[in-house]
Amino acid sequence: MTYLNREWKNTKNKFNTLFVLLVLMAVLTLSACKPDVVAPSYQPSSVLPDEAYGMVYGKRLYLTSIGQALDIETLAANLDHYPEISYIMNNELYASEVESGSVVFIAVGCSFKALTESGLTKQSETERAEEFIRRANNGEISIVSWHIGGVARRGSTSDSLIELLFKNSQLALFTAAGNNDLFLSDWAIEADVPYCQFETSIVEVIECMTEKVK
């Protein structure tokens, strides 16, 4: 009986050792497969630039979308917190329809479903954006580009439109949700365009833009 107990203990010890080794191997394997987390090379500015304050005060305001994403509805809902602010909203607004001296809020981000339903394409949206840019470069209007759709409004098609507009806006505004790779802030910085990765609500940003500067 003593011999059997000794054999059982040896077998049990071997099993426990084998189990521990298997657990350690699993942990090491999972650790090896875990992707490296790359720290951002810089912290995007969360300070609203001076150019934004009072930018819309006393100006006619237009609201449109480049890419036809529903983010334009989010912008409109936030503007509606201020009944005294009137604006013209048109998803397919053309630059030629904008009165000189006005400010145009452009929600940029693609929805392929909405583009298809509207009979629009990336090319037609690019051409429409370029017309706004041409008028802005001539000093006729001011463009504020907004990206508030997060990662859902990123990707090759959206990114090319974001790049185009961010490089040619008078102001670029976006949330951290869509800038995890610093793409949005990189383009604003590269083009020396005032920008803000705002951490407050859209309403608070709009309030600063529409108040009279004292």
C-alpha atoms as a PDB file:
ATOM      1  CA  MET A   1       0.000   0.000   0.000  1.00  0.00           C
ATOM      2  CA  THR A   2       2.875   2.357   0.808  1.00  0.00           C
ATOM      3  CA  TYR A   3       4.358   1.627  -2.613  1.00  0.00           C
ATOM      4  CA  LEU A   4       1.057   2.429  -4.345  1.00  0.00           C
ATOM      5  CA  ASN A   5       0.701   5.713  -2.454  1.00  0.00           C
ATOM      6  CA  ARG A   6       4.211   6.713  -3.464  1.00  0.00           C
ATOM      7  CA  GLU A   7       3.474   5.934  -7.136  1.00  0.00           C
ATOM      8  CA  TRP A   8       0.204   7.920  -6.963  1.00  0.00           C
ATOM      9  CA  LYS A   9       1.953  10.897  -5.447  1.00  0.00           C
ATOM     10  CA  ASN A  10       4.634  10.803  -8.150  1.00  0.00           C
ATOM     11  CA  THR A  11       2.000  10.606 -10.881  1.00  0.00           C
ATOM     12  CA  LYS A  12       0.018  13.458  -9.302  1.00  0.00           C
ATOM     13  CA  ASN A  13       3.126  15.615  -9.036  1.00  0.00           C
ATOM     14  CA  LYS A  14       4.004  14.971 -12.687  1.00  0.00           C
ATOM     15  CA  PHE A  15       0.461  15.871 -13.731  1.00  0.00           C
ATOM     16  CA  ASN A  16       0.561  19.123 -11.715  1.00  0.00           C
ATOM     17  CA  THR A  17       3.929  20.033 -13.211  1.00  0.00           C
ATOM     18  CA  LEU A  18       2.672  19.330 -16.719  1.00  0.00           C
ATOM     19  CA  PHE A  19      -0.463  21.428 -16.104  1.00  0.00           C
ATOM     20  CA  VAL A  20       1.600  24.375 -14.868  1.00  0.00           C
ATOM     21  CA  LEU A  21       3.879  24.139 -17.910  1.00  0.00           C
ATOM     22  CA  LEU A  22       0.890  24.115 -20.264  1.00  0.00           C
ATOM     23  CA  VAL A  23      -0.585  27.203 -18.578  1.00  0.00           C
ATOM     24  CA  LEU A  24       2.736  29.034 -18.822  1.00  0.00           C
ATOM     25  CA  MET A  25       3.037  28.134 -22.510  1.00  0.00           C
ATOM     26  CA  ALA A  26      -0.487  29.441 -23.180  1.00  0.00           C
ATOM     27  CA  VAL A  27       0.253  32.727 -21.398  1.00  0.00           C
ATOM     28  CA  LEU A  28       3.509  33.193 -23.322  1.00  0.00           C
ATOM     29  CA  THR A  29       1.772  32.427 -26.629  1.00  0.00           C
ATOM     30  CA  LEU A  30      -0.986  34.965 -25.970  1.00  0.00           C
ATOM     31  CA  SER A  31       1.573  37.571 -24.946  1.00  0.00           C
ATOM     32  CA  ALA A  32       3.533  37.018 -28.143  1.00  0.00           C
ATOM     33  CA  CYS A  33       0.386  37.432 -30.260  1.00  0.00           C
ATOM     34  CA  LYS A  34      -0.692  40.655 -28.553  1.00  0.00           C
ATOM     35  CA  PRO A  35      -0.064  43.602 -30.927  1.00  0.00           C
ATOM     36  CA  ASP A  36       2.285  46.308 -29.814  1.00  0.00           C
ATOM     37  CA  VAL A  37       0.532  49.485 -28.685  1.00  0.00           C
ATOM     38  CA  VAL A  38       2.166  52.435 -30.393  1.00  0.00           C
ATOM     39  CA  ALA A  39       1.981  55.598 -28.357  1.00  0.00           C
ATOM     40  CA  PRO A  40       0.890  58.723 -30.283  1.00  0.00           C
ATOM     41  CA  SER A  41       3.819  60.854 -31.390  1.00  0.00           C
ATOM     42  CA  TYR A  42       2.082  63.952 -30.009  1.00  0.00           C
ATOM     43  CA  GLN A  43      -1.085  65.091 -28.290  1.00  0.00           C
ATOM     44  CA  PRO A  44      -3.521  66.864 -30.660  1.00  0.00           C
ATOM     45  CA  SER A  45      -4.620  70.303 -29.506  1.00  0.00           C
ATOM     46  CA  SER A  46      -7.905  70.330 -27.621  1.00  0.00           C
ATOM     47  CA  VAL A  47      -7.924  74.112 -27.391  1.00  0.00           C
ATOM     48  CA  LEU A  48     -10.360  75.917 -29.661  1.00  0.00           C
ATOM     49  CA  PRO A  49      -8.227  78.305 -31.752  1.00  0.00           C
ATOM     50  CA  ASP A  50      -8.790  82.044 -31.621  1.00  0.00           C
ATOM     51  CA  GLU A  51     -10.021  82.013 -35.222  1.00  0.00           C
ATOM     52  CA  ALA A  52     -13.080  80.012 -34.140  1.00  0.00           C
ATOM     53  CA  TYR A  53     -14.448  82.509 -31.635  1.00  0.00           C
ATOM     54  CA  GLY A  54     -17.241  84.596 -33.128  1.00  0.00           C
ATOM     55  CA  MET A  55     -16.572  83.107 -36.564  1.00  0.00           C
ATOM     56  CA  VAL A  56     -20.268  82.693 -37.317  1.00  0.00           C
ATOM     57  CA  TYR A  57     -21.565  85.766 -35.496  1.00  0.00           C
ATOM     58  CA  GLY A  58     -23.593  87.977 -37.846  1.00  0.00           C
ATOM     59  CA  LYS A  59     -22.859  85.697 -40.817  1.00  0.00           C
ATOM     60  CA  ARG A  60     -25.206  83.663 -42.963  1.00  0.00           C
ATOM     61  CA  LEU A  61     -24.652  79.991 -42.166  1.00  0.00           C
ATOM     62  CA  TYR A  62     -24.960  77.030 -44.520  1.00  0.00           C
ATOM     63  CA  LEU A  63     -24.754  73.355 -43.628  1.00  0.00           C
ATOM     64  CA  THR A  64     -23.910  70.580 -46.078  1.00  0.00           C
ATOM     65  CA  SER A  65     -22.343  67.137 -46.298  1.00  0.00           C
ATOM     66  CA  ILE A  66     -19.479  65.896 -48.426  1.00  0.00           C
ATOM     67  CA  GLY A  67     -19.864  62.130 -48.520  1.00  0.00           C
ATOM     68  CA  GLN A  68     -23.558  62.108 -47.572  1.00  0.00           C
ATOM     69  CA  ALA A  69     -23.061  60.648 -44.081  1.00  0.00           C
ATOM     70  CA  LEU A  70     -25.772  61.245 -41.496  1.00  0.00           C
ATOM     71  CA  ASP A  71     -23.302  63.298 -39.445  1.00  0.00           C
ATOM     72  CA  ILE A  72     -24.933  66.360 -40.992  1.00  0.00           C
ATOM     73  CA  GLU A  73     -28.064  65.498 -38.999  1.00  0.00           C
ATOM     74  CA  THR A  74     -26.009  65.477 -35.802  1.00  0.00           C
ATOM     75  CA  LEU A  75     -24.640  68.921 -36.588  1.00  0.00           C
ATOM     76  CA  ALA A  76     -28.109  70.237 -37.369  1.00  0.00           C
ATOM     77  CA  ALA A  77     -29.519  68.823 -34.114  1.00  0.00           C
ATOM     78  CA  ASN A  78     -26.812  70.642 -32.155  1.00  0.00           C
ATOM     79  CA  LEU A  79     -27.393  73.893 -34.029  1.00  0.00           C
ATOM     80  CA  ASP A  80     -31.058  73.629 -33.134  1.00  0.00           C
ATOM     81  CA  HIS A  81     -30.140  74.173 -29.490  1.00  0.00           C
ATOM     82  CA  TYR A  82     -29.911  77.827 -30.511  1.00  0.00           C
ATOM     83  CA  PRO A  83     -33.234  78.864 -32.118  1.00  0.00           C
ATOM     84  CA  GLU A  84     -31.770  82.300 -32.767  1.00  0.00           C
ATOM     85  CA  ILE A  85     -29.244  80.784 -35.160  1.00  0.00           C
ATOM     86  CA  SER A  86     -30.717  80.384 -38.616  1.00  0.00           C
ATOM     87  CA  TYR A  87     -29.041  78.212 -41.191  1.00  0.00           C
ATOM     88  CA  ILE A  88     -29.676  76.739 -44.609  1.00  0.00           C
ATOM     89  CA  MET A  89     -29.228  72.975 -44.724  1.00  0.00           C
ATOM     90  CA  ASN A  90     -28.802  71.078 -47.968  1.00  0.00           C
ATOM     91  CA  ASN A  91     -26.957  67.757 -48.306  1.00  0.00           C
ATOM     92  CA  GLU A  92     -26.235  68.519 -51.950  1.00  0.00           C
ATOM     93  CA  LEU A  93     -25.564  72.246 -51.644  1.00  0.00           C
ATOM     94  CA  TYR A  94     -23.433  73.776 -54.404  1.00  0.00           C
ATOM     95  CA  ALA A  95     -20.903  76.513 -53.762  1.00  0.00           C
ATOM     96  CA  SER A  96     -22.629  78.707 -56.341  1.00  0.00           C
ATOM     97  CA  GLU A  97     -25.724  78.769 -54.095  1.00  0.00           C
ATOM     98  CA  VAL A  98     -23.812  80.259 -51.151  1.00  0.00           C
ATOM     99  CA  GLU A  99     -24.014  83.988 -50.540  1.00  0.00           C
ATOM    100  CA  SER A 100     -20.648  85.752 -50.401  1.00  0.00           C
ATOM    101  CA  GLY A 101     -19.419  86.451 -46.882  1.00  0.00           C
ATOM    102  CA  SER A 102     -21.113  83.337 -45.514  1.00  0.00           C
ATOM    103  CA  VAL A 103     -19.780  80.453 -43.425  1.00  0.00           C
ATOM    104  CA  VAL A 104     -20.258  76.877 -44.605  1.00  0.00           C
ATOM    105  CA  PHE A 105     -20.227  73.994 -42.134  1.00  0.00           C
ATOM    106  CA  ILE A 106     -19.226  70.837 -44.021  1.00  0.00           C
ATOM    107  CA  ALA A 107     -19.721  67.444 -42.382  1.00  0.00           C
ATOM    108  CA  VAL A 108     -17.214  65.206 -44.134  1.00  0.00           C
ATOM    109  CA  GLY A 109     -17.420  61.412 -44.176  1.00  0.00           C
ATOM    110  CA  CYS A 110     -18.706  58.869 -46.661  1.00  0.00           C
ATOM    111  CA  SER A 111     -21.762  56.673 -46.549  1.00  0.00           C
ATOM    112  CA  PHE A 112     -21.822  54.465 -49.638  1.00  0.00           C
ATOM    113  CA  LYS A 113     -25.498  53.686 -49.097  1.00  0.00           C
ATOM    114  CA  ALA A 114     -26.439  57.364 -48.973  1.00  0.00           C
ATOM    115  CA  LEU A 115     -24.240  58.164 -51.977  1.00  0.00           C
ATOM    116  CA  THR A 116     -25.910  55.432 -54.019  1.00  0.00           C
ATOM    117  CA  GLU A 117     -29.413  56.483 -52.981  1.00  0.00           C
ATOM    118  CA  SER A 118     -28.614  60.084 -53.942  1.00  0.00           C
ATOM    119  CA  GLY A 119     -27.124  59.079 -57.283  1.00  0.00           C
ATOM    120  CA  LEU A 120     -23.802  60.625 -56.252  1.00  0.00           C
ATOM    121  CA  THR A 121     -20.238  59.318 -56.439  1.00  0.00           C
ATOM    122  CA  LYS A 122     -16.932  60.032 -54.777  1.00  0.00           C
ATOM    123  CA  GLN A 123     -15.908  61.926 -57.897  1.00  0.00           C
ATOM    124  CA  SER A 124     -19.002  64.129 -57.916  1.00  0.00           C
ATOM    125  CA  GLU A 125     -18.562  64.855 -54.195  1.00  0.00           C
ATOM    126  CA  THR A 126     -14.899  65.694 -54.779  1.00  0.00           C
ATOM    127  CA  GLU A 127     -15.842  68.132 -57.534  1.00  0.00           C
ATOM    128  CA  ARG A 128     -18.473  69.742 -55.313  1.00  0.00           C
ATOM    129  CA  ALA A 129     -15.918  70.108 -52.506  1.00  0.00           C
ATOM    130  CA  GLU A 130     -13.409  71.685 -54.897  1.00  0.00           C
ATOM    131  CA  GLU A 131     -15.916  74.381 -55.813  1.00  0.00           C
ATOM    132  CA  PHE A 132     -16.323  75.329 -52.150  1.00  0.00           C
ATOM    133  CA  ILE A 133     -12.550  75.384 -51.810  1.00  0.00           C
ATOM    134  CA  ARG A 134     -12.158  77.610 -54.865  1.00  0.00           C
ATOM    135  CA  ARG A 135     -14.568  80.175 -53.431  1.00  0.00           C
ATOM    136  CA  ALA A 136     -12.910  79.983 -50.011  1.00  0.00           C
ATOM    137  CA  ASN A 137      -9.470  80.502 -51.553  1.00  0.00           C
ATOM    138  CA  ASN A 138     -10.864  83.591 -53.293  1.00  0.00           C
ATOM    139  CA  GLY A 139     -11.961  84.953 -49.919  1.00  0.00           C
ATOM    140  CA  GLU A 140     -15.660  84.773 -50.809  1.00  0.00           C
ATOM    141  CA  ILE A 141     -16.742  82.268 -48.117  1.00  0.00           C
ATOM    142  CA  SER A 142     -15.320  80.501 -45.063  1.00  0.00           C
ATOM    143  CA  ILE A 143     -15.268  76.723 -44.693  1.00  0.00           C
ATOM    144  CA  VAL A 144     -15.453  74.864 -41.392  1.00  0.00           C
ATOM    145  CA  SER A 145     -14.847  71.143 -41.872  1.00  0.00           C
ATOM    146  CA  TRP A 146     -16.284  68.815 -39.253  1.00  0.00           C
ATOM    147  CA  HIS A 147     -15.462  65.139 -38.729  1.00  0.00           C
ATOM    148  CA  ILE A 148     -17.682  63.750 -35.985  1.00  0.00           C
ATOM    149  CA  GLY A 149     -18.515  60.258 -37.257  1.00  0.00           C
ATOM    150  CA  GLY A 150     -15.599  58.444 -35.618  1.00  0.00           C
ATOM    151  CA  VAL A 151     -13.950  55.399 -37.192  1.00  0.00           C
ATOM    152  CA  ALA A 152     -17.168  54.573 -39.056  1.00  0.00           C
ATOM    153  CA  ARG A 153     -16.482  57.614 -41.263  1.00  0.00           C
ATOM    154  CA  ARG A 154     -12.874  56.745 -42.002  1.00  0.00           C
ATOM    155  CA  GLY A 155     -11.421  54.572 -44.753  1.00  0.00           C
ATOM    156  CA  SER A 156      -9.809  55.266 -48.119  1.00  0.00           C
ATOM    157  CA  THR A 157     -12.789  57.071 -49.639  1.00  0.00           C
ATOM    158  CA  SER A 158     -13.583  59.195 -46.599  1.00  0.00           C
ATOM    159  CA  ASP A 159      -9.910  59.880 -45.927  1.00  0.00           C
ATOM    160  CA  SER A 160      -9.277  61.333 -49.374  1.00  0.00           C
ATOM    161  CA  LEU A 161     -12.174  63.767 -48.927  1.00  0.00           C
ATOM    162  CA  ILE A 162     -11.061  64.613 -45.380  1.00  0.00           C
ATOM    163  CA  GLU A 163      -7.560  65.344 -46.633  1.00  0.00           C
ATOM    164  CA  LEU A 164      -8.874  67.586 -49.406  1.00  0.00           C
ATOM    165  CA  LEU A 165     -11.137  69.616 -47.127  1.00  0.00           C
ATOM    166  CA  PHE A 166      -8.919  69.785 -44.053  1.00  0.00           C
ATOM    167  CA  LYS A 167      -6.077  71.186 -46.134  1.00  0.00           C
ATOM    168  CA  ASN A 168      -8.301  73.912 -47.540  1.00  0.00           C
ATOM    169  CA  SER A 169     -10.567  74.929 -44.664  1.00  0.00           C
ATOM    170  CA  GLN A 170     -10.430  77.993 -42.489  1.00  0.00           C
ATOM    171  CA  LEU A 171     -11.083  75.735 -39.507  1.00  0.00           C
ATOM    172  CA  ALA A 172     -11.027  71.953 -38.921  1.00  0.00           C
ATOM    173  CA  LEU A 173     -12.954  70.437 -36.017  1.00  0.00           C
ATOM    174  CA  PHE A 174     -13.073  66.779 -35.032  1.00  0.00           C
ATOM    175  CA  THR A 175     -13.442  64.324 -32.171  1.00  0.00           C
ATOM    176  CA  ALA A 176     -10.801  61.943 -30.830  1.00  0.00           C
ATOM    177  CA  ALA A 177     -12.922  58.967 -31.921  1.00  0.00           C
ATOM    178  CA  GLY A 178     -11.922  59.476 -35.557  1.00  0.00           C
ATOM    179  CA  ASN A 179      -8.355  60.565 -34.908  1.00  0.00           C
ATOM    180  CA  ASN A 180      -6.856  57.545 -33.166  1.00  0.00           C
ATOM    181  CA  ASP A 181      -4.121  57.389 -35.829  1.00  0.00           C
ATOM    182  CA  LEU A 182      -3.617  61.196 -35.823  1.00  0.00           C
ATOM    183  CA  PHE A 183      -4.667  61.362 -39.490  1.00  0.00           C
ATOM    184  CA  LEU A 184      -7.021  64.285 -38.958  1.00  0.00           C
ATOM    185  CA  SER A 185      -4.683  66.428 -36.892  1.00  0.00           C
ATOM    186  CA  ASP A 186      -1.730  65.556 -39.137  1.00  0.00           C
ATOM    187  CA  TRP A 187      -3.425  67.050 -42.192  1.00  0.00           C
ATOM    188  CA  ALA A 188      -4.538  70.157 -40.342  1.00  0.00           C
ATOM    189  CA  ILE A 189      -1.027  70.707 -38.992  1.00  0.00           C
ATOM    190  CA  GLU A 190       0.587  69.964 -42.370  1.00  0.00           C
ATOM    191  CA  ALA A 191      -1.577  72.611 -44.047  1.00  0.00           C
ATOM    192  CA  ASP A 192      -1.236  75.051 -41.128  1.00  0.00           C
ATOM    193  CA  VAL A 193      -5.019  75.131 -40.712  1.00  0.00           C
ATOM    194  CA  PRO A 194      -6.437  76.097 -37.290  1.00  0.00           C
ATOM    195  CA  TYR A 195      -7.946  72.983 -35.732  1.00  0.00           C
ATOM    196  CA  CYS A 196      -9.301  71.504 -32.541  1.00  0.00           C
ATOM    197  CA  GLN A 197      -9.839  67.953 -31.374  1.00  0.00           C
ATOM    198  CA  PHE A 198     -12.645  69.065 -29.137  1.00  0.00           C
ATOM    199  CA  GLU A 199     -13.411  67.236 -25.940  1.00  0.00           C
ATOM    200  CA  THR A 200     -16.428  69.338 -25.010  1.00  0.00           C
ATOM    201  CA  SER A 201     -19.845  68.917 -26.609  1.00  0.00           C
ATOM    202  CA  ILE A 202     -20.570  70.122 -30.137  1.00  0.00           C
ATOM    203  CA  VAL A 203     -23.073  72.565 -28.626  1.00  0.00           C
ATOM    204  CA  GLU A 204     -20.357  74.262 -26.591  1.00  0.00           C
ATOM    205  CA  VAL A 205     -18.104  74.571 -29.643  1.00  0.00           C
ATOM    206  CA  ILE A 206     -20.936  76.082 -31.685  1.00  0.00           C
ATOM    207  CA  GLU A 207     -21.720  78.487 -28.856  1.00  0.00           C
ATOM    208  CA  CYS A 208     -18.163  79.848 -28.949  1.00  0.00           C
ATOM    209  CA  MET A 209     -18.349  80.236 -32.713  1.00  0.00           C
ATOM    210  CA  THR A 210     -21.645  82.088 -32.720  1.00  0.00           C
ATOM    211  CA  GLU A 211     -21.104  84.476 -29.804  1.00  0.00           C
ATOM    212  CA  LYS A 212     -20.119  88.055 -30.348  1.00  0.00           C
ATOM    213  CA  VAL A 213     -16.453  88.504 -29.543  1.00  0.00           C
ATOM    214  CA  LYS A 214     -16.081  91.108 -26.797  1.00  0.00           C
END
